[in-house]
């Protein structure tokens, strides 16, 4: 039992069990872990002024920061444990190495210090204190905002240590038993390396949280009311479902029809078209004289859009090989130049609509326009050209999908990315690698990925238009 299993256990009991006993062939490499490790090292290095070294020898010499240390020990009830502290930071005190000691530190992404951070520090402090022969009263939570390193001191009192010991006992029992159930809070699964493994089982067993719009709270309400799975939801009448949900003053009852239809399509694999009063030729009329498709690659932690991609399409029936793709890199030292290029493209055809998938692109353009001192009228005029295909899909179709993200929808429609197993997080990983190595290969991978994202958006637009025409 080690720190890694503890952190997994706090997030999801099943993840900890799979990390130890799962068939590794079902585990998928997660770029989030790699990105986290890179960010972690950079921030730790900054905190310790670059004085970071690895292993026990670094502790003996007394370096400011130590990584890569493994410490084993035995807890009560003869539980064998091992800690892998993310970072040890040198401070005043007395230890077996001399007139100094080390404090455990963890890296925090975002503003919130979680139970995971607290328990990691408390667990590490127990074994580290014994190992270095010096009591540890506090641990450190390290984060970075606006290029400034922040250090939060966490006092590791008896109450916190007792809590982590209780969790460790539960973890030990769980790891010795059968594989735990899938977590009800499936939002946690989005960046998990075991997601695909659990998704298959969840679909087979009819997990309600696989239905778009149903979270753990609504799933619990449905189960209480005799709807335990997607199969029973699919066979429930809208009137019955409204009655069951409205009893709990849950506003979700307004979505009763969509929940039922979503369950039915998810099981059958057949999509359901929602009749719209709006002109079915709306999208076709808008893009008839030409249009742009716009997609962004971002680093959300640093609020930095590093690539803006455009498809320039004179008409919908143009051959794919004749479509013009324009990538604009946004390096931190040429931000103004990249902004001007974007506006130049958009204003080259002032009446062309801009198709995108999700809110990110529209928000980015608003921020760029503000940065370039556009008036409110100019910003409104520009953003009025933007058409969100994600919104159009959800308004006009119920698809047999777990969610309506770009990858899910376009893959279901048969679109394939040139590079396999790609994602926005992998593009971010490539971007970070490019910043470190300046290897142009990473840029080529990002640009190809973004181009495919744009083409996937076009594929969805074609689907919407084709099916709207067929329905009328």
Protein backbone atom coordinates (compact mmCIF):
# COMPACT_ATOMS: atom_id res chain seq x y z
CA UNK A 1 0.00 0.00 0.00
CA UNK A 2 1.44 3.35 -0.98
CA UNK A 3 0.69 7.05 -1.49
CA UNK A 4 -0.47 6.49 -5.06
CA UNK A 5 -3.12 3.96 -4.03
CA UNK A 6 -4.27 6.31 -1.25
CA UNK A 7 -4.82 9.18 -3.70
CA UNK A 8 -6.63 6.87 -6.12
CA UNK A 9 -8.79 5.49 -3.29
CA UNK A 10 -9.89 8.98 -2.22
CA UNK A 11 -11.02 9.70 -5.79
CA UNK A 12 -12.50 6.27 -6.50
CA UNK A 13 -12.25 2.97 -4.58
CA UNK A 14 -12.34 0.99 -7.80
CA UNK A 15 -9.43 2.96 -9.31
CA UNK A 16 -7.15 2.06 -6.38
CA UNK A 17 -8.05 -1.63 -6.75
CA UNK A 18 -7.48 -1.55 -10.52
CA UNK A 19 -4.16 0.28 -10.09
CA UNK A 20 -2.96 -2.65 -7.97
CA UNK A 21 -4.74 -5.67 -9.44
CA UNK A 22 -6.24 -4.60 -12.77
CA UNK A 23 -5.23 -6.05 -16.11
CA UNK A 24 -2.84 -3.40 -17.44
CA UNK A 25 -3.84 -4.14 -21.04
CA UNK A 26 -7.15 -2.35 -20.31
CA UNK A 27 -5.45 0.74 -18.92
CA UNK A 28 -5.06 3.70 -21.29
CA UNK A 29 -2.18 6.15 -21.04
CA UNK A 30 -3.42 9.48 -19.70
CA UNK A 31 -1.76 12.70 -20.91
CA UNK A 32 -3.15 14.42 -17.80
CA UNK A 33 -0.71 12.49 -15.62
CA UNK A 34 2.23 13.45 -17.82
CA UNK A 35 1.16 17.12 -17.92
CA UNK A 36 0.73 17.08 -14.15
CA UNK A 37 4.23 15.67 -13.65
CA UNK A 38 5.82 18.29 -15.92
CA UNK A 39 3.98 21.20 -14.27
CA UNK A 40 4.78 19.78 -10.86
CA UNK A 41 8.52 19.59 -11.53
CA UNK A 42 8.66 23.09 -13.02
CA UNK A 43 6.90 24.65 -10.02
CA UNK A 44 8.96 22.66 -7.51
CA UNK A 45 12.15 23.69 -9.29
CA UNK A 46 11.09 27.33 -9.12
CA UNK A 47 10.29 27.01 -5.40
CA UNK A 48 13.71 25.52 -4.65
CA UNK A 49 15.65 27.86 -7.00
CA UNK A 50 16.57 24.91 -9.20
CA UNK A 51 18.20 22.99 -6.33
CA UNK A 52 16.28 19.71 -6.72
CA UNK A 53 18.00 16.34 -6.57
CA UNK A 54 16.88 12.73 -6.40
CA UNK A 55 16.91 10.09 -3.67
CA UNK A 56 18.37 9.42 -0.24
CA UNK A 57 21.81 10.79 -1.12
CA UNK A 58 20.24 14.21 -1.72
CA UNK A 59 18.79 14.13 1.84
CA UNK A 60 22.18 13.25 3.32
CA UNK A 61 23.89 16.10 1.46
CA UNK A 62 21.11 18.48 2.48
CA UNK A 63 19.80 19.82 -0.82
CA UNK A 64 16.90 22.28 -0.69
CA UNK A 65 14.51 20.02 -2.62
CA UNK A 66 14.42 16.22 -2.86
CA UNK A 67 12.30 14.11 -5.22
CA UNK A 68 12.16 10.42 -6.15
CA UNK A 69 12.48 9.11 -2.60
CA UNK A 70 10.66 5.96 -1.49
CA UNK A 71 10.24 5.23 2.20
CA UNK A 72 8.84 1.96 3.56
CA UNK A 73 7.39 1.27 6.98
CA UNK A 74 4.79 -0.69 8.96
CA UNK A 75 1.61 0.76 10.46
CA UNK A 76 -0.52 -0.67 13.23
CA UNK A 77 -2.34 -3.92 12.34
CA UNK A 78 0.89 -4.85 10.51
CA UNK A 79 -0.05 -2.88 7.40
CA UNK A 80 2.99 -2.54 5.13
CA UNK A 81 3.16 0.95 3.66
CA UNK A 82 5.33 2.93 1.28
CA UNK A 83 5.36 6.66 0.59
CA UNK A 84 6.55 8.44 -2.55
CA UNK A 85 6.64 12.10 -1.45
CA UNK A 86 6.18 14.44 -4.42
CA UNK A 87 8.75 16.78 -2.88
CA UNK A 88 10.70 17.15 0.37
CA UNK A 89 11.59 20.73 1.28
CA UNK A 90 14.52 21.47 3.57
CA UNK A 91 13.78 23.55 6.66
CA UNK A 92 15.27 24.39 10.06
CA UNK A 93 15.31 21.62 12.64
CA UNK A 94 17.23 18.55 13.73
CA UNK A 95 17.19 15.17 12.03
CA UNK A 96 19.49 12.19 11.69
CA UNK A 97 21.27 14.10 8.91
CA UNK A 98 22.17 17.16 10.97
CA UNK A 99 20.88 20.66 11.73
CA UNK A 100 18.02 20.50 9.26
CA UNK A 101 15.00 18.35 8.42
CA UNK A 102 12.53 17.92 5.59
CA UNK A 103 8.84 18.71 5.21
CA UNK A 104 6.59 16.87 2.75
CA UNK A 105 5.11 19.00 -0.05
CA UNK A 106 2.42 18.32 -2.67
CA UNK A 107 1.51 20.12 -5.87
CA UNK A 108 -1.97 21.65 -6.22
CA UNK A 109 -3.66 22.43 -9.53
CA UNK A 110 -6.30 25.12 -9.11
CA UNK A 111 -7.35 27.06 -6.04
CA UNK A 112 -8.91 24.35 -3.90
CA UNK A 113 -6.95 22.33 -1.32
CA UNK A 114 -8.67 18.94 -1.24
CA UNK A 115 -8.86 15.94 1.05
CA UNK A 116 -6.44 14.25 -1.33
CA UNK A 117 -3.75 16.88 -0.60
CA UNK A 118 -4.33 16.75 3.16
CA UNK A 119 -4.27 12.96 3.42
CA UNK A 120 -1.20 12.70 1.18
CA UNK A 121 0.70 15.07 3.50
CA UNK A 122 -0.53 13.37 6.67
CA UNK A 123 0.36 9.89 5.38
CA UNK A 124 3.80 11.04 4.23
CA UNK A 125 4.51 12.84 7.52
CA UNK A 126 3.97 9.68 9.61
CA UNK A 127 6.56 7.57 7.78
CA UNK A 128 8.90 10.48 6.99
CA UNK A 129 9.02 11.56 10.64
CA UNK A 130 10.16 8.11 11.74
CA UNK A 131 12.58 7.79 8.82
CA UNK A 132 14.41 11.08 9.41
CA UNK A 133 14.07 10.81 13.22
CA UNK A 134 12.39 14.18 13.50
CA UNK A 135 8.76 15.05 14.19
CA UNK A 136 6.85 16.76 11.39
CA UNK A 137 4.28 19.33 12.45
CA UNK A 138 3.30 20.64 9.05
CA UNK A 139 3.29 19.98 5.32
CA UNK A 140 3.24 22.29 2.30
CA UNK A 141 0.80 22.67 -0.57
CA UNK A 142 2.48 24.28 -3.59
CA UNK A 143 0.58 26.01 -6.40
CA UNK A 144 1.22 28.62 -9.07
CA UNK A 145 -0.95 31.52 -10.22
CA UNK A 146 0.19 34.27 -12.53
CA UNK A 147 3.74 32.84 -12.65
CA UNK A 148 4.01 33.24 -8.88
CA UNK A 149 4.66 30.22 -6.65
CA UNK A 150 2.32 30.02 -3.67
CA UNK A 151 3.04 28.01 -0.52
CA UNK A 152 0.24 27.00 1.84
CA UNK A 153 1.21 25.55 5.22
CA UNK A 154 -0.96 22.70 6.50
CA UNK A 155 -0.68 21.81 10.19
CA UNK A 156 -0.86 18.06 10.57
CA UNK A 157 -2.72 17.67 13.85
CA UNK A 158 -3.76 14.45 15.60
CA UNK A 159 -7.29 14.63 14.19
CA UNK A 160 -6.03 14.68 10.59
CA UNK A 161 -3.52 11.89 11.22
CA UNK A 162 -6.25 9.75 12.80
CA UNK A 163 -8.50 10.31 9.78
CA UNK A 164 -5.81 9.22 7.35
CA UNK A 165 -5.06 6.11 9.43
CA UNK A 166 -8.74 5.14 9.28
CA UNK A 167 -8.74 5.64 5.51
CA UNK A 168 -5.58 3.52 5.21
CA UNK A 169 -7.30 0.67 7.09
CA UNK A 170 -10.29 0.94 4.71
CA UNK A 171 -7.91 1.04 1.72
CA UNK A 172 -6.10 -2.07 2.95
CA UNK A 173 -9.40 -3.96 3.33
CA UNK A 174 -10.57 -2.82 -0.11
CA UNK A 175 -7.35 -3.90 -1.84
CA UNK A 176 -7.61 -7.35 -0.26
CA UNK A 177 -11.23 -7.81 -1.37
CA UNK A 178 -13.11 -8.03 -4.65
CA UNK A 179 -13.16 -5.24 -7.23
CA UNK A 180 -15.37 -2.37 -5.93
CA UNK A 181 -18.45 -1.11 -7.77
CA UNK A 182 -18.15 1.67 -10.35
CA UNK A 183 -18.35 5.10 -8.71
CA UNK A 184 -21.69 6.87 -8.99
CA UNK A 185 -19.99 10.20 -9.66
CA UNK A 186 -18.91 9.43 -13.22
CA UNK A 187 -17.61 12.99 -13.76
CA UNK A 188 -14.45 11.84 -12.00
CA UNK A 189 -13.93 9.26 -14.76
CA UNK A 190 -13.19 11.73 -17.56
CA UNK A 191 -9.41 11.76 -16.99
CA UNK A 192 -9.04 8.28 -15.51
CA UNK A 193 -6.81 5.78 -17.31
CA UNK A 194 -9.38 3.04 -16.56
CA UNK A 195 -12.34 4.96 -18.04
CA UNK A 196 -12.88 2.76 -21.12
CA UNK A 197 -12.73 -0.39 -18.99
CA UNK A 198 -15.43 0.90 -16.64
CA UNK A 199 -17.51 2.47 -19.44
CA UNK A 200 -18.03 -0.93 -21.05
CA UNK A 201 -19.34 -2.43 -17.81
CA UNK A 202 -21.46 0.64 -17.02
CA UNK A 203 -23.23 0.43 -20.38
CA UNK A 204 -23.83 -3.31 -20.06
CA UNK A 205 -25.35 -2.82 -16.59
CA UNK A 206 -27.40 0.24 -17.53
CA UNK A 207 -25.81 2.85 -15.25
CA UNK A 208 -28.08 5.89 -15.12
CA UNK A 209 -25.16 8.32 -14.96
CA UNK A 210 -24.26 7.24 -18.50
CA UNK A 211 -27.34 9.12 -19.68
CA UNK A 212 -26.53 12.68 -20.78
CA UNK A 213 -27.74 15.18 -18.15
CA UNK A 214 -28.07 12.66 -15.29
CA UNK A 215 -25.58 13.11 -12.49
CA UNK A 216 -25.20 11.15 -9.25
CA UNK A 217 -27.92 13.20 -7.46
CA UNK A 218 -30.59 12.66 -10.12
CA UNK A 219 -29.57 8.99 -10.46
CA UNK A 220 -30.12 8.54 -6.70
CA UNK A 221 -33.58 10.15 -6.93
CA UNK A 222 -34.52 7.84 -9.79
CA UNK A 223 -33.35 4.75 -7.91
CA UNK A 224 -35.34 5.75 -4.84
CA UNK A 225 -38.38 5.95 -7.11
CA UNK A 226 -37.98 2.51 -8.60
CA UNK A 227 -35.93 3.39 -11.70
CA UNK A 228 -32.60 1.62 -11.08
CA UNK A 229 -31.12 1.56 -14.60
CA UNK A 230 -31.34 2.81 -18.18
CA UNK A 231 -33.60 -0.06 -19.21
CA UNK A 232 -36.27 0.87 -16.63
CA UNK A 233 -35.86 4.57 -17.46
CA UNK A 234 -36.41 3.84 -21.16
CA UNK A 235 -39.70 2.06 -20.37
CA UNK A 236 -41.03 4.78 -18.02
CA UNK A 237 -43.69 7.18 -19.31
CA UNK A 238 -42.96 10.90 -19.32
CA UNK A 239 -45.92 11.53 -17.00
CA UNK A 240 -44.63 9.00 -14.44
CA UNK A 241 -41.11 10.44 -14.52
CA UNK A 242 -42.34 14.03 -14.08
CA UNK A 243 -44.35 12.94 -11.03
CA UNK A 244 -41.40 11.10 -9.49
CA UNK A 245 -38.91 13.96 -9.96
CA UNK A 246 -41.26 16.85 -9.11
CA UNK A 247 -41.98 15.26 -5.70
CA UNK A 248 -38.43 16.19 -4.73
CA UNK A 249 -38.66 19.72 -6.16
CA UNK A 250 -35.95 18.71 -8.59
CA UNK A 251 -35.98 20.98 -11.64
CA UNK A 252 -34.73 18.01 -13.65
CA UNK A 253 -38.36 17.00 -14.17
CA UNK A 254 -38.39 19.55 -16.98
CA UNK A 255 -35.98 17.22 -18.80
CA UNK A 256 -38.10 14.09 -18.28
CA UNK A 257 -38.83 13.66 -22.00
CA UNK A 258 -35.17 14.02 -22.94
CA UNK A 259 -34.01 11.60 -20.21
CA UNK A 260 -36.41 8.91 -21.45
CA UNK A 261 -35.56 9.43 -25.12
CA UNK A 262 -31.85 9.55 -24.33
CA UNK A 263 -32.12 6.19 -22.53
CA UNK A 264 -34.08 4.69 -25.44
CA UNK A 265 -31.57 5.84 -28.07
CA UNK A 266 -28.61 4.78 -25.90
CA UNK A 267 -30.02 1.23 -25.73
CA UNK A 268 -31.23 0.97 -29.33
CA UNK A 269 -28.35 2.82 -30.99
CA UNK A 270 -30.90 4.70 -33.10
CA UNK A 271 -30.88 8.55 -33.03
CA UNK A 272 -34.06 10.56 -32.48
CA UNK A 273 -34.80 13.76 -34.38
CA UNK A 274 -36.48 16.55 -32.41
CA UNK A 275 -38.96 18.48 -34.54
CA UNK A 276 -38.07 22.15 -34.54
CA UNK A 277 -40.37 25.03 -35.37
CA UNK A 278 -37.38 26.95 -36.69
CA UNK A 279 -36.73 26.99 -40.43
CA UNK A 280 -34.92 23.70 -41.14
CA UNK A 281 -32.88 25.47 -43.82
CA UNK A 282 -31.49 27.96 -41.27
CA UNK A 283 -27.94 26.59 -41.29
CA UNK A 284 -27.84 25.98 -45.04
CA UNK A 285 -28.98 29.56 -45.77
CA UNK A 286 -26.39 30.98 -43.39
CA UNK A 287 -23.43 29.17 -44.90
CA UNK A 288 -24.57 29.10 -48.54
CA UNK A 289 -22.20 31.85 -49.70
CA UNK A 290 -19.18 30.61 -47.74
CA UNK A 291 -18.14 30.24 -44.11
CA UNK A 292 -15.32 29.76 -41.63
CA UNK A 293 -14.80 26.91 -39.16
CA UNK A 294 -12.89 27.89 -36.07
CA UNK A 295 -11.24 25.70 -33.40
CA UNK A 296 -8.84 26.51 -30.55
CA UNK A 297 -6.23 24.51 -28.62
CA UNK A 298 -5.76 25.79 -25.08
CA UNK A 299 -3.90 25.45 -21.82
CA UNK A 300 -6.78 26.19 -19.40
CA UNK A 301 -4.55 26.18 -16.30
CA UNK A 302 -2.60 29.14 -17.68
CA UNK A 303 -5.54 30.65 -19.60
CA UNK A 304 -3.46 30.50 -22.77
CA UNK A 305 -4.84 29.66 -26.23
CA UNK A 306 -1.76 28.42 -28.07
CA UNK A 307 -3.28 27.63 -31.47
CA UNK A 308 -6.16 29.10 -33.46
CA UNK A 309 -7.23 27.04 -36.45
CA UNK A 310 -9.44 28.15 -39.37
CA UNK A 311 -11.00 26.32 -42.27
CA UNK A 312 -11.88 28.73 -45.08
CA UNK A 313 -14.70 27.22 -47.12
CA UNK A 314 -16.14 28.98 -50.18
CA UNK A 315 -18.97 26.50 -50.54
CA UNK A 316 -20.22 23.35 -48.84
CA UNK A 317 -19.60 21.14 -51.87
CA UNK A 318 -15.90 21.90 -52.21
CA UNK A 319 -13.56 18.88 -52.29
CA UNK A 320 -11.87 18.19 -48.95
CA UNK A 321 -8.42 18.44 -50.52
CA UNK A 322 -9.23 21.96 -51.78
CA UNK A 323 -10.25 23.33 -48.38
CA UNK A 324 -7.88 26.00 -47.06
CA UNK A 325 -6.65 25.46 -43.49
CA UNK A 326 -4.99 28.37 -41.68
CA UNK A 327 -3.25 27.66 -38.33
CA UNK A 328 -2.20 30.65 -36.19
CA UNK A 329 0.23 29.96 -33.36
CA UNK A 330 -0.09 32.17 -30.31
CA UNK A 331 3.38 32.33 -28.79
CA UNK A 332 3.54 34.49 -25.69
CA UNK A 333 5.94 36.93 -27.33
CA UNK A 334 3.74 37.47 -30.42
CA UNK A 335 0.27 37.63 -28.88
CA UNK A 336 -0.62 40.94 -30.55
CA UNK A 337 0.48 39.68 -33.96
CA UNK A 338 -1.58 36.46 -33.70
CA UNK A 339 -4.64 38.46 -32.59
CA UNK A 340 -4.35 40.76 -35.61
CA UNK A 341 -4.03 37.77 -37.96
CA UNK A 342 -7.25 36.27 -36.54
CA UNK A 343 -9.18 39.51 -36.99
CA UNK A 344 -7.77 39.93 -40.49
CA UNK A 345 -9.07 36.48 -41.47
CA UNK A 346 -12.50 37.10 -39.95
CA UNK A 347 -12.81 40.51 -41.61
CA UNK A 348 -11.64 39.23 -45.00
CA UNK A 349 -15.22 37.97 -45.40
CA UNK A 350 -17.31 40.20 -43.15
CA UNK A 351 -20.61 38.46 -43.83
CA UNK A 352 -19.40 34.88 -43.52
CA UNK A 353 -20.65 32.97 -40.46
CA UNK A 354 -18.16 31.26 -38.15
CA UNK A 355 -19.01 27.66 -37.23
CA UNK A 356 -17.54 26.26 -34.03
CA UNK A 357 -18.29 23.51 -31.50
CA UNK A 358 -18.86 24.68 -27.91
CA UNK A 359 -18.56 28.07 -26.23
CA UNK A 360 -14.74 28.26 -26.05
CA UNK A 361 -14.19 29.85 -29.47
CA UNK A 362 -16.82 32.57 -29.06
CA UNK A 363 -15.47 33.53 -25.62
CA UNK A 364 -11.92 33.63 -27.00
CA UNK A 365 -12.94 36.02 -29.79
CA UNK A 366 -14.67 38.33 -27.30
CA UNK A 367 -11.46 38.45 -25.23
CA UNK A 368 -9.33 39.09 -28.32
CA UNK A 369 -11.66 41.88 -29.49
CA UNK A 370 -11.51 43.50 -26.04
CA UNK A 371 -7.72 43.23 -26.08
CA UNK A 372 -7.70 45.08 -29.43
CA UNK A 373 -10.00 47.78 -28.00
CA UNK A 374 -13.08 46.95 -30.07
CA UNK A 375 -16.25 48.81 -29.11
CA UNK A 376 -19.22 46.89 -27.67
CA UNK A 377 -21.07 47.37 -30.97
CA UNK A 378 -18.13 45.91 -32.93
CA UNK A 379 -17.90 42.93 -30.55
CA UNK A 380 -21.65 42.26 -30.85
CA UNK A 381 -21.45 42.48 -34.63
CA UNK A 382 -18.53 40.04 -34.72
CA UNK A 383 -19.96 37.48 -32.29
CA UNK A 384 -23.38 37.54 -33.99
CA UNK A 385 -21.69 35.67 -36.87
CA UNK A 386 -20.78 32.74 -34.60
CA UNK A 387 -22.89 29.56 -34.82
CA UNK A 388 -22.37 26.92 -32.13
CA UNK A 389 -22.95 23.48 -33.68
CA UNK A 390 -22.92 21.85 -30.25
CA UNK A 391 -26.07 23.80 -29.38
CA UNK A 392 -27.67 22.98 -32.75
CA UNK A 393 -26.97 19.25 -32.35
CA UNK A 394 -28.51 19.16 -28.88
CA UNK A 395 -31.57 21.14 -29.99
CA UNK A 396 -32.31 18.99 -33.02
CA UNK A 397 -31.08 15.49 -32.14
CA UNK A 398 -30.98 12.95 -29.32
CA UNK A 399 -28.05 10.71 -30.16
CA UNK A 400 -27.12 7.27 -28.73
CA UNK A 401 -24.11 8.74 -26.94
CA UNK A 402 -22.95 9.22 -23.39
CA UNK A 403 -22.13 12.87 -24.06
CA UNK A 404 -22.20 15.32 -26.96
CA UNK A 405 -18.54 16.30 -27.13
CA UNK A 406 -16.92 16.89 -30.54
CA UNK A 407 -15.05 13.55 -30.50
CA UNK A 408 -18.09 11.52 -29.49
CA UNK A 409 -20.45 13.01 -32.04
CA UNK A 410 -18.05 13.09 -34.99
CA UNK A 411 -16.73 9.57 -34.27
CA UNK A 412 -20.32 8.30 -34.20
CA UNK A 413 -20.81 9.94 -37.59
CA UNK A 414 -17.81 8.04 -38.95
CA UNK A 415 -15.15 10.76 -38.87
CA UNK A 416 -11.60 9.62 -38.08
CA UNK A 417 -8.61 11.65 -36.92
CA UNK A 418 -5.36 11.12 -38.85
CA UNK A 419 -3.50 10.54 -35.58
CA UNK A 420 -4.91 7.79 -33.36
CA UNK A 421 -6.06 8.16 -29.72
CA UNK A 422 -5.77 11.95 -29.77
CA UNK A 423 -7.47 14.50 -27.53
CA UNK A 424 -7.23 18.10 -26.43
CA UNK A 425 -5.17 17.03 -23.43
CA UNK A 426 -2.72 15.17 -25.68
CA UNK A 427 -2.39 18.31 -27.84
CA UNK A 428 -1.62 20.24 -24.64
CA UNK A 429 0.98 17.62 -23.72
CA UNK A 430 2.60 18.07 -27.15
CA UNK A 431 2.56 21.85 -26.64
CA UNK A 432 4.34 21.55 -23.30
CA UNK A 433 6.88 19.22 -24.89
CA UNK A 434 7.45 21.75 -27.68
CA UNK A 435 8.06 24.51 -25.14
CA UNK A 436 10.65 22.36 -23.38
CA UNK A 437 12.41 20.89 -26.43
CA UNK A 438 11.57 23.34 -29.28
CA UNK A 439 11.18 20.24 -31.44
CA UNK A 440 9.06 21.20 -34.48
CA UNK A 441 7.63 17.67 -34.65
CA UNK A 442 5.37 18.48 -31.69
CA UNK A 443 4.03 21.56 -33.49
CA UNK A 444 3.25 19.46 -36.57
CA UNK A 445 1.30 17.00 -34.42
CA UNK A 446 -0.71 19.83 -32.80
CA UNK A 447 -1.48 21.47 -36.16
CA UNK A 448 -2.62 18.17 -37.69
CA UNK A 449 -4.82 17.51 -34.66
CA UNK A 450 -6.39 20.98 -34.83
CA UNK A 451 -7.01 20.64 -38.57
CA UNK A 452 -8.83 17.37 -37.91
CA UNK A 453 -10.89 19.04 -35.18
CA UNK A 454 -11.96 21.64 -37.75
CA UNK A 455 -12.78 18.93 -40.31
CA UNK A 456 -14.75 17.01 -37.64
CA UNK A 457 -16.78 20.19 -37.01
CA UNK A 458 -17.42 20.44 -40.76
CA UNK A 459 -18.52 16.78 -40.78
CA UNK A 460 -21.13 17.57 -38.11
CA UNK A 461 -22.36 20.61 -40.05
CA UNK A 462 -22.82 18.42 -43.14
CA UNK A 463 -24.78 15.89 -41.07
CA UNK A 464 -27.11 18.58 -39.69
CA UNK A 465 -27.83 20.04 -43.13
CA UNK A 466 -28.25 16.69 -44.89
CA UNK A 467 -30.69 15.39 -42.29
CA UNK A 468 -32.66 18.63 -42.05
CA UNK A 469 -33.18 18.49 -45.82
CA UNK A 470 -34.20 14.81 -45.66
CA UNK A 471 -36.76 15.52 -42.92
CA UNK A 472 -38.54 18.09 -45.04
